Amino acid sequence: MAISTKINPEFGNLPLNKLLLASLIISVITAILGLLAQIVLPPQIPLYYGLPQTTAQITPSILIVLPSVVSIFTTIINTILSIKIHDNYLKRTLAFASITVAILAVVTTYKIIFLVGSL
């Protein structure tokens, strides 16, 4: 019996449960590597690129895990919604949205690390 069906038996019935699980694993690994990147990051990093080019973009370097945390919460919410709804199209859309957010969080985190880190 798989671990996912021990947590919730309905998780095994989701159309793309492996995709949801992969997005969760990707996000957790990215968060861990973001924490490990504290060694090479300066004390403050530019994280909020949507803000004007002032000190409002600058945050403490520990917040490099913020995109991954948002991705983890998005995946958890999408998984709960996928279990509750009955339309397969919406379930697949939520799974693809989760993996898309996870990939964008990976890209954001690594771009910032390689942009400002001393590698």
Protein backbone atom coordinates (compact mmCIF):
# COMPACT_ATOMS: atom_id res chain seq x y z
CA MET A 1 0.00 0.00 0.00
CA ALA A 2 1.41 3.38 -1.01
CA ILE A 3 2.10 6.16 1.47
CA SER A 4 -0.30 8.52 -0.30
CA THR A 5 -3.29 6.22 0.23
CA LYS A 6 -2.47 5.85 3.92
CA ILE A 7 -2.74 9.62 4.37
CA ASN A 8 -6.05 9.96 2.56
CA PRO A 9 -7.59 7.14 0.50
CA GLU A 10 -9.11 9.64 -1.93
CA PHE A 11 -5.66 10.98 -2.87
CA GLY A 12 -4.98 7.75 -4.77
CA ASN A 13 -8.08 8.38 -6.89
CA LEU A 14 -6.91 11.75 -8.18
CA PRO A 15 -6.11 11.75 -11.92
CA LEU A 16 -2.65 13.31 -11.58
CA ASN A 17 -1.69 12.54 -7.98
CA LYS A 18 1.94 11.91 -8.93
CA LEU A 19 2.11 15.39 -10.44
CA LEU A 20 0.81 16.92 -7.20
CA LEU A 21 3.29 14.89 -5.21
CA ALA A 22 6.12 15.90 -7.55
CA SER A 23 5.29 19.59 -7.17
CA LEU A 24 5.32 19.22 -3.39
CA ILE A 25 8.69 17.44 -3.45
CA ILE A 26 10.18 20.02 -5.83
CA SER A 27 9.04 22.85 -3.57
CA VAL A 28 10.41 21.24 -0.40
CA ILE A 29 13.78 20.54 -2.04
CA THR A 30 13.93 24.13 -3.31
CA ALA A 31 13.17 25.45 0.19
CA ILE A 32 15.92 23.29 1.69
CA LEU A 33 18.44 24.40 -0.93
CA GLY A 34 17.37 28.01 -0.35
CA LEU A 35 18.19 27.59 3.32
CA LEU A 36 21.53 26.03 2.44
CA ALA A 37 22.24 28.94 0.10
CA GLN A 38 22.46 31.25 3.11
CA ILE A 39 26.18 30.45 3.07
CA VAL A 40 26.74 32.23 -0.25
CA LEU A 41 24.05 34.92 -0.06
CA PRO A 42 24.59 38.44 1.24
CA PRO A 43 22.57 39.54 4.27
CA GLN A 44 19.98 41.25 2.07
CA ILE A 45 18.70 40.19 -1.34
CA PRO A 46 16.36 41.73 -3.94
CA LEU A 47 13.22 39.59 -3.83
CA TYR A 48 10.28 41.81 -4.73
CA TYR A 49 11.07 42.72 -8.32
CA GLY A 50 7.56 44.06 -8.97
CA LEU A 51 8.14 46.99 -6.66
CA PRO A 52 9.88 50.21 -7.77
CA GLN A 53 13.68 50.09 -7.76
CA THR A 54 14.15 51.29 -4.24
CA THR A 55 14.95 49.65 -0.95
CA ALA A 56 11.42 48.17 -1.03
CA GLN A 57 12.81 45.33 -3.16
CA ILE A 58 15.39 44.40 -0.56
CA THR A 59 14.59 41.73 2.06
CA PRO A 60 16.61 39.62 4.49
CA SER A 61 18.23 36.68 2.72
CA ILE A 62 16.30 34.13 4.78
CA LEU A 63 13.21 35.06 2.77
CA ILE A 64 14.69 33.29 -0.26
CA VAL A 65 12.45 30.40 0.80
CA LEU A 66 9.30 32.52 0.37
CA PRO A 67 8.57 31.40 -3.24
CA SER A 68 8.90 27.77 -2.17
CA VAL A 69 6.64 28.24 0.84
CA VAL A 70 4.00 29.86 -1.36
CA SER A 71 4.36 26.94 -3.77
CA ILE A 72 3.93 24.41 -0.96
CA PHE A 73 0.78 26.13 0.28
CA THR A 74 -0.58 26.35 -3.26
CA THR A 75 0.00 22.63 -3.79
CA ILE A 76 -1.65 21.74 -0.49
CA ILE A 77 -4.69 23.91 -1.23
CA ASN A 78 -4.97 22.54 -4.77
CA THR A 79 -4.74 18.97 -3.45
CA ILE A 80 -7.50 19.59 -0.92
CA LEU A 81 -9.66 21.19 -3.60
CA SER A 82 -8.98 18.28 -5.96
CA ILE A 83 -10.16 15.82 -3.34
CA LYS A 84 -13.36 17.82 -2.70
CA ILE A 85 -14.45 18.50 -6.29
CA HIS A 86 -15.73 15.87 -8.69
CA ASP A 87 -14.89 17.30 -12.11
CA ASN A 88 -11.82 15.62 -13.63
CA TYR A 89 -11.01 18.65 -15.79
CA LEU A 90 -10.75 20.90 -12.74
CA LYS A 91 -8.67 18.29 -10.91
CA ARG A 92 -6.19 18.17 -13.78
CA THR A 93 -6.13 21.96 -14.04
CA LEU A 94 -5.30 22.25 -10.34
CA ALA A 95 -2.53 19.65 -10.68
CA PHE A 96 -0.96 21.47 -13.61
CA ALA A 97 -1.28 24.79 -11.78
CA SER A 98 0.58 23.26 -8.82
CA ILE A 99 3.48 22.02 -10.92
CA THR A 100 3.62 25.35 -12.78
CA VAL A 101 3.85 27.30 -9.53
CA ALA A 102 6.53 24.89 -8.26
CA ILE A 103 8.61 25.31 -11.42
CA LEU A 104 8.28 29.11 -11.28
CA ALA A 105 9.35 29.06 -7.62
CA VAL A 106 12.42 27.02 -8.57
CA VAL A 107 13.32 29.41 -11.37
CA THR A 108 12.83 32.47 -9.15
CA THR A 109 14.87 31.03 -6.29
CA TYR A 110 17.78 29.91 -8.43
CA LYS A 111 17.88 33.10 -10.48
CA ILE A 112 18.15 35.14 -7.30
CA ILE A 113 20.79 32.82 -5.83
CA PHE A 114 22.95 32.93 -8.95
CA LEU A 115 22.38 36.67 -9.43
CA VAL A 116 23.44 37.86 -6.00
CA GLY A 117 25.22 34.83 -4.52
CA SER A 118 28.96 34.57 -4.47
CA LEU A 119 29.35 31.32 -6.41
